[in-house]
């Protein structure tokens, strides 16, 4: 069975001279990334056992088993870290993992296909869906609220949106 994996972080470079790395965590609680040990590279060819060693201004510092010097740590820069999806906590109703929403088709309230979800952003004022609109050949931003996004059907891989007047 080919296990579904989700990117939970990335190695941003070395930290110090003893093989620690700077780590970007994509988990809602950044230090939770180590809960998913062992992590793997995207293709699964490499495995990483992380130990969080500190909080940095941007990201975390971590020790990886087998990495003992700055040069080894620096070689891992850019490596995206993946966890097995079945290890993620079950979400409450109305909660979604970002990875589940990316790529879903979008339809308006009359079931007309609009486009697909490209990304989910949060710049501090609340989450926003970036949707590629086929008709105009570019993306638009839609607030990820119950009013603007009244229905998400993961089984059908579709999100119903109530688009702004400019898209109707």
Protein backbone atom coordinates (compact mmCIF):
# COMPACT_ATOMS: atom_id res chain seq x y z
CA UNK A 1 0.00 0.00 0.00
CA UNK A 2 1.31 3.43 -0.94
CA UNK A 3 0.83 5.60 2.18
CA UNK A 4 -0.47 9.13 1.69
CA UNK A 5 2.02 11.67 3.02
CA UNK A 6 1.67 15.36 3.74
CA UNK A 7 4.38 18.00 3.92
CA UNK A 8 4.69 19.19 7.53
CA UNK A 9 7.87 21.27 7.30
CA UNK A 10 11.10 22.10 5.54
CA UNK A 11 14.75 22.40 6.46
CA UNK A 12 15.83 26.02 5.99
CA UNK A 13 19.57 25.49 6.48
CA UNK A 14 22.14 24.84 9.17
CA UNK A 15 22.11 26.34 12.67
CA UNK A 16 25.39 26.49 14.52
CA UNK A 17 28.36 24.21 13.97
CA UNK A 18 27.18 20.98 15.62
CA UNK A 19 24.81 19.73 12.93
CA UNK A 20 21.60 21.43 14.03
CA UNK A 21 19.20 22.70 11.37
CA UNK A 22 16.86 25.66 11.04
CA UNK A 23 13.41 24.23 10.57
CA UNK A 24 10.19 25.70 9.19
CA UNK A 25 7.20 23.83 10.61
CA UNK A 26 3.87 23.91 8.81
CA UNK A 27 2.01 22.51 11.84
CA UNK A 28 -0.50 24.75 13.67
CA UNK A 29 1.67 24.29 16.77
CA UNK A 30 5.16 24.38 15.23
CA UNK A 31 6.85 22.11 17.79
CA UNK A 32 4.31 19.35 17.02
CA UNK A 33 6.33 18.48 13.91
CA UNK A 34 8.45 16.10 16.00
CA UNK A 35 5.31 14.17 17.03
CA UNK A 36 5.24 12.73 13.50
CA UNK A 37 8.74 11.19 13.69
CA UNK A 38 10.17 9.66 11.68
CA UNK A 39 9.64 12.12 8.84
CA UNK A 40 10.68 11.38 5.27
CA UNK A 41 11.77 13.18 2.13
CA UNK A 42 9.10 13.61 -0.54
CA UNK A 43 10.12 10.45 -2.39
CA UNK A 44 10.47 8.51 0.86
CA UNK A 45 14.12 7.67 0.18
CA UNK A 46 15.40 9.45 3.32
CA UNK A 47 14.13 9.24 6.87
CA UNK A 48 14.62 11.90 9.55
CA UNK A 49 14.30 11.59 13.33
CA UNK A 50 13.95 15.15 14.68
CA UNK A 51 14.52 16.54 18.13
CA UNK A 52 13.45 20.16 18.58
CA UNK A 53 16.24 22.02 20.39
CA UNK A 54 14.93 25.57 20.45
CA UNK A 55 12.69 28.36 19.21
CA UNK A 56 14.25 30.82 16.75
CA UNK A 57 13.02 34.23 15.68
CA UNK A 58 11.67 32.56 12.55
CA UNK A 59 11.16 28.82 12.97
CA UNK A 60 12.80 26.22 15.15
CA UNK A 61 16.20 24.68 15.67
CA UNK A 62 16.41 20.92 15.59
CA UNK A 63 18.85 18.04 15.79
CA UNK A 64 18.51 15.24 13.24
CA UNK A 65 19.88 11.79 14.03
CA UNK A 66 23.09 11.17 12.10
CA UNK A 67 23.77 14.82 11.27
CA UNK A 68 26.84 15.87 13.27
CA UNK A 69 28.30 18.94 11.58
CA UNK A 70 27.38 22.18 9.84
CA UNK A 71 28.26 20.85 6.38
CA UNK A 72 25.91 17.85 6.69
CA UNK A 73 23.14 20.12 8.00
CA UNK A 74 23.64 22.61 5.16
CA UNK A 75 23.33 19.80 2.56
CA UNK A 76 19.74 19.25 3.78
CA UNK A 77 18.70 22.85 3.07
CA UNK A 78 15.46 22.90 1.10
CA UNK A 79 14.47 19.36 2.03
CA UNK A 80 10.72 19.16 2.55
CA UNK A 81 9.65 16.88 5.40
CA UNK A 82 6.66 14.55 5.08
CA UNK A 83 4.55 12.68 7.62
CA UNK A 84 2.21 9.76 7.11
CA UNK A 85 -1.31 11.14 6.89
CA UNK A 86 -2.91 8.44 9.04
CA UNK A 87 -0.92 9.79 12.02
CA UNK A 88 -2.68 13.18 11.93
CA UNK A 89 -5.33 13.87 14.58
CA UNK A 90 -8.97 13.56 13.60
CA UNK A 91 -10.49 16.98 13.07
CA UNK A 92 -13.78 18.30 14.39
CA UNK A 93 -16.67 18.99 12.04
CA UNK A 94 -15.99 22.14 10.02
CA UNK A 95 -12.19 21.84 10.37
CA UNK A 96 -9.97 20.93 7.44
CA UNK A 97 -6.33 20.32 6.73
CA UNK A 98 -5.01 22.83 4.17
CA UNK A 99 -3.62 19.98 2.09
CA UNK A 100 -7.14 18.56 1.70
CA UNK A 101 -8.45 21.80 0.18
CA UNK A 102 -5.68 22.49 -2.32
CA UNK A 103 -6.71 21.34 -5.79
CA UNK A 104 -10.43 20.98 -5.04
CA UNK A 105 -12.76 22.21 -7.77
CA UNK A 106 -15.01 25.14 -6.91
CA UNK A 107 -18.62 25.68 -7.92
CA UNK A 108 -21.00 28.55 -7.42
CA UNK A 109 -24.35 28.29 -5.63
CA UNK A 110 -25.99 27.06 -8.88
CA UNK A 111 -23.41 24.25 -9.31
CA UNK A 112 -21.59 26.00 -12.17
CA UNK A 113 -17.92 25.09 -12.10
CA UNK A 114 -15.72 28.11 -11.40
CA UNK A 115 -12.17 26.83 -10.98
CA UNK A 116 -9.95 25.18 -8.37
CA UNK A 117 -8.30 26.01 -5.06
CA UNK A 118 -4.66 26.97 -5.57
CA UNK A 119 -3.73 27.90 -2.00
CA UNK A 120 -4.97 28.86 1.43
CA UNK A 121 -3.45 31.97 3.02
CA UNK A 122 -3.75 33.68 6.38
CA UNK A 123 -2.19 37.10 6.61
CA UNK A 124 -3.63 37.77 10.07
CA UNK A 125 -7.19 38.84 9.30
CA UNK A 126 -8.47 35.30 8.76
CA UNK A 127 -8.00 32.56 6.18
CA UNK A 128 -8.40 33.30 2.48
CA UNK A 129 -8.81 30.85 -0.39
CA UNK A 130 -6.86 31.58 -3.56
CA UNK A 131 -8.94 30.23 -6.41
CA UNK A 132 -7.83 29.89 -10.02
CA UNK A 133 -10.77 31.00 -12.17
CA UNK A 134 -10.83 29.21 -15.51
CA UNK A 135 -12.94 31.89 -17.21
CA UNK A 136 -10.50 34.74 -16.53
CA UNK A 137 -7.26 32.72 -16.47
CA UNK A 138 -6.04 34.07 -13.13
CA UNK A 139 -6.61 33.75 -9.42
CA UNK A 140 -8.89 35.59 -7.03
CA UNK A 141 -9.00 35.66 -3.24
CA UNK A 142 -12.16 34.63 -1.39
CA UNK A 143 -12.58 34.90 2.39
CA UNK A 144 -12.68 31.41 3.90
CA UNK A 145 -15.82 32.05 5.93
CA UNK A 146 -19.11 30.20 6.25
CA UNK A 147 -20.84 32.95 4.26
CA UNK A 148 -18.41 32.86 1.32
CA UNK A 149 -17.77 29.11 1.47
CA UNK A 150 -21.04 27.52 2.63
CA UNK A 151 -20.19 23.91 1.72
CA UNK A 152 -17.11 21.73 1.45
CA UNK A 153 -17.54 18.17 0.23
CA UNK A 154 -14.23 16.32 0.52
CA UNK A 155 -15.72 13.09 -0.84
CA UNK A 156 -16.85 14.86 -4.03
CA UNK A 157 -13.64 16.95 -4.00
CA UNK A 158 -15.64 20.15 -4.39
CA UNK A 159 -16.13 23.45 -2.59
CA UNK A 160 -19.28 25.52 -3.06
CA UNK A 161 -18.55 29.22 -2.92
CA UNK A 162 -20.78 32.28 -2.98
CA UNK A 163 -18.55 34.39 -5.20
CA UNK A 164 -18.43 38.18 -5.03
CA UNK A 165 -20.52 40.11 -7.55
CA UNK A 166 -17.47 40.72 -9.74
CA UNK A 167 -17.31 36.98 -10.54
CA UNK A 168 -21.03 36.39 -11.11
